[in-house]
Amino acid sequence: MKGKRDLPRVRTTVGFIRGPRLLTTEEAAQLLAIRPATLEWWRVSTHRSGPNFIRIGGQVRYSMQDLNNFVERETVRCETNLTRAGIGPKRSGEFSLNS
């Protein structure tokens, strides 16, 4: 568990505070290498397929943890897909195609 000292310092108009930095839609989109409109679409679509977000007084923000969780959730594991397709090693060092 992170302690108070582990949290990043964020500069505000009243000085520095400690806490997680929340990213704007534009910053999150840049980090994910997608357009901000994609994040906006994910937020309003009925499938809610994008990363979790925080709404504070009409402003939308993303935490780094939520973005990391989203990337992990969307990561396709090749090993799993090969096994499901019946393609995979029979024995150590051998590969077979559906046999």
C-alpha atoms as a PDB file:
ATOM      1  CA  MET A   1       0.000   0.000   0.000  1.00  0.00           C
ATOM      2  CA  LYS A   2       1.313   3.408  -0.885  1.00  0.00           C
ATOM      3  CA  GLY A   3       1.949   5.886   1.842  1.00  0.00           C
ATOM      4  CA  LYS A   4       1.491   9.627   1.723  1.00  0.00           C
ATOM      5  CA  ARG A   5       5.122  10.119   0.729  1.00  0.00           C
ATOM      6  CA  ASP A   6       4.740   7.834  -2.314  1.00  0.00           C
ATOM      7  CA  LEU A   7       2.066  10.007  -3.945  1.00  0.00           C
ATOM      8  CA  PRO A   8       3.227  12.550  -6.534  1.00  0.00           C
ATOM      9  CA  ARG A   9       3.261  16.224  -5.683  1.00  0.00           C
ATOM     10  CA  VAL A  10       0.859  18.255  -7.810  1.00  0.00           C
ATOM     11  CA  ARG A  11       1.314  21.999  -8.210  1.00  0.00           C
ATOM     12  CA  THR A  12      -1.858  24.016  -7.654  1.00  0.00           C
ATOM     13  CA  THR A  13      -2.600  27.716  -7.428  1.00  0.00           C
ATOM     14  CA  VAL A  14      -2.271  27.446  -3.642  1.00  0.00           C
ATOM     15  CA  GLY A  15       0.983  25.480  -3.675  1.00  0.00           C
ATOM     16  CA  PHE A  16       1.831  21.793  -3.868  1.00  0.00           C
ATOM     17  CA  ILE A  17      -0.450  19.000  -2.733  1.00  0.00           C
ATOM     18  CA  ARG A  18       0.125  15.254  -2.632  1.00  0.00           C
ATOM     19  CA  GLY A  19      -2.264  13.000  -4.507  1.00  0.00           C
ATOM     20  CA  PRO A  20      -2.840  11.187  -7.758  1.00  0.00           C
ATOM     21  CA  ARG A  21      -2.635  13.355 -10.855  1.00  0.00           C
ATOM     22  CA  LEU A  22      -5.818  13.198 -12.885  1.00  0.00           C
ATOM     23  CA  LEU A  23      -5.506  13.477 -16.653  1.00  0.00           C
ATOM     24  CA  THR A  24      -7.773  15.392 -19.015  1.00  0.00           C
ATOM     25  CA  THR A  25      -9.403  13.648 -21.965  1.00  0.00           C
ATOM     26  CA  GLU A  26      -6.739  15.102 -24.268  1.00  0.00           C
ATOM     27  CA  GLU A  27      -3.880  13.898 -22.039  1.00  0.00           C
ATOM     28  CA  ALA A  28      -5.399  10.422 -21.668  1.00  0.00           C
ATOM     29  CA  ALA A  29      -5.968  10.171 -25.427  1.00  0.00           C
ATOM     30  CA  GLN A  30      -2.378  11.166 -26.104  1.00  0.00           C
ATOM     31  CA  LEU A  31      -1.143   8.545 -23.656  1.00  0.00           C
ATOM     32  CA  LEU A  32      -3.264   5.838 -25.318  1.00  0.00           C
ATOM     33  CA  ALA A  33      -2.358   7.079 -28.826  1.00  0.00           C
ATOM     34  CA  ILE A  34      -6.004   7.589 -29.788  1.00  0.00           C
ATOM     35  CA  ARG A  35      -8.163  10.611 -30.616  1.00  0.00           C
ATOM     36  CA  PRO A  36      -9.955  12.428 -27.769  1.00  0.00           C
ATOM     37  CA  ALA A  37     -13.210  11.845 -29.691  1.00  0.00           C
ATOM     38  CA  THR A  38     -12.721   8.090 -29.219  1.00  0.00           C
ATOM     39  CA  LEU A  39     -12.634   8.483 -25.437  1.00  0.00           C
ATOM     40  CA  GLU A  40     -15.683  10.736 -25.629  1.00  0.00           C
ATOM     41  CA  TRP A  41     -17.532   8.132 -27.706  1.00  0.00           C
ATOM     42  CA  TRP A  42     -16.631   5.355 -25.272  1.00  0.00           C
ATOM     43  CA  ARG A  43     -18.014   7.439 -22.401  1.00  0.00           C
ATOM     44  CA  VAL A  44     -21.438   7.987 -24.012  1.00  0.00           C
ATOM     45  CA  SER A  45     -21.865   4.623 -25.738  1.00  0.00           C
ATOM     46  CA  THR A  46     -24.121   2.087 -24.082  1.00  0.00           C
ATOM     47  CA  HIS A  47     -21.304  -0.469 -24.046  1.00  0.00           C
ATOM     48  CA  ARG A  48     -18.971   1.727 -21.958  1.00  0.00           C
ATOM     49  CA  SER A  49     -16.016  -0.063 -23.517  1.00  0.00           C
ATOM     50  CA  GLY A  50     -13.397   2.525 -22.628  1.00  0.00           C
ATOM     51  CA  PRO A  51     -11.427   3.141 -19.459  1.00  0.00           C
ATOM     52  CA  ASN A  52     -13.150   4.139 -16.233  1.00  0.00           C
ATOM     53  CA  PHE A  53     -13.324   7.884 -15.723  1.00  0.00           C
ATOM     54  CA  ILE A  54     -14.066  10.375 -12.984  1.00  0.00           C
ATOM     55  CA  ARG A  55     -16.599  13.166 -13.350  1.00  0.00           C
ATOM     56  CA  ILE A  56     -15.944  16.123 -11.071  1.00  0.00           C
ATOM     57  CA  GLY A  57     -18.278  19.088 -11.427  1.00  0.00           C
ATOM     58  CA  GLY A  58     -18.879  18.435 -15.112  1.00  0.00           C
ATOM     59  CA  GLN A  59     -15.195  17.874 -15.826  1.00  0.00           C
ATOM     60  CA  VAL A  60     -14.011  14.428 -16.949  1.00  0.00           C
ATOM     61  CA  ARG A  61     -10.701  13.107 -15.662  1.00  0.00           C
ATOM     62  CA  TYR A  62      -8.801   9.823 -15.892  1.00  0.00           C
ATOM     63  CA  SER A  63      -6.491   8.353 -13.289  1.00  0.00           C
ATOM     64  CA  MET A  64      -3.293   6.625 -14.381  1.00  0.00           C
ATOM     65  CA  GLN A  65      -4.438   3.512 -12.509  1.00  0.00           C
ATOM     66  CA  ASP A  66      -7.686   3.381 -14.510  1.00  0.00           C
ATOM     67  CA  LEU A  67      -5.778   3.827 -17.785  1.00  0.00           C
ATOM     68  CA  ASN A  68      -3.307   1.094 -16.825  1.00  0.00           C
ATOM     69  CA  ASN A  69      -6.197  -1.216 -15.866  1.00  0.00           C
ATOM     70  CA  PHE A  70      -7.868  -0.511 -19.214  1.00  0.00           C
ATOM     71  CA  VAL A  71      -4.711  -1.340 -21.164  1.00  0.00           C
ATOM     72  CA  GLU A  72      -4.265  -4.549 -19.171  1.00  0.00           C
ATOM     73  CA  ARG A  73      -7.905  -5.504 -19.723  1.00  0.00           C
ATOM     74  CA  GLU A  74      -7.637  -4.884 -23.479  1.00  0.00           C
ATOM     75  CA  THR A  75      -4.328  -6.695 -23.889  1.00  0.00           C
ATOM     76  CA  VAL A  76      -4.706  -9.762 -26.086  1.00  0.00           C
ATOM     77  CA  ARG A  77      -2.570 -12.652 -24.931  1.00  0.00           C
ATOM     78  CA  CYS A  78      -1.265 -14.514 -27.987  1.00  0.00           C
ATOM     79  CA  GLU A  79      -0.596 -17.679 -26.008  1.00  0.00           C
ATOM     80  CA  THR A  80      -4.242 -17.916 -24.939  1.00  0.00           C
ATOM     81  CA  ASN A  81      -5.543 -17.270 -28.461  1.00  0.00           C
ATOM     82  CA  LEU A  82      -3.275 -19.933 -29.965  1.00  0.00           C
ATOM     83  CA  THR A  83      -4.453 -22.480 -27.417  1.00  0.00           C
ATOM     84  CA  ARG A  84      -8.123 -21.695 -28.131  1.00  0.00           C
ATOM     85  CA  ALA A  85      -7.511 -22.104 -31.872  1.00  0.00           C
ATOM     86  CA  GLY A  86      -5.917 -25.500 -31.305  1.00  0.00           C
ATOM     87  CA  ILE A  87      -2.532 -24.163 -32.282  1.00  0.00           C
ATOM     88  CA  GLY A  88       0.170 -24.632 -29.738  1.00  0.00           C
ATOM     89  CA  PRO A  89       3.102 -26.655 -28.582  1.00  0.00           C
ATOM     90  CA  LYS A  90       2.482 -30.404 -28.297  1.00  0.00           C
ATOM     91  CA  ARG A  91       5.681 -30.878 -26.405  1.00  0.00           C
ATOM     92  CA  SER A  92       8.458 -28.557 -25.514  1.00  0.00           C
ATOM     93  CA  GLY A  93       9.820 -27.076 -28.732  1.00  0.00           C
ATOM     94  CA  GLU A  94       7.124 -28.557 -31.050  1.00  0.00           C
ATOM     95  CA  PHE A  95       4.284 -26.684 -32.671  1.00  0.00           C
ATOM     96  CA  SER A  96       1.240 -28.129 -34.418  1.00  0.00           C
ATOM     97  CA  LEU A  97      -1.583 -26.695 -36.463  1.00  0.00           C
ATOM     98  CA  ASN A  98      -4.847 -28.332 -35.313  1.00  0.00           C
ATOM     99  CA  SER A  99      -3.369 -31.797 -35.060  1.00  0.00           C
END
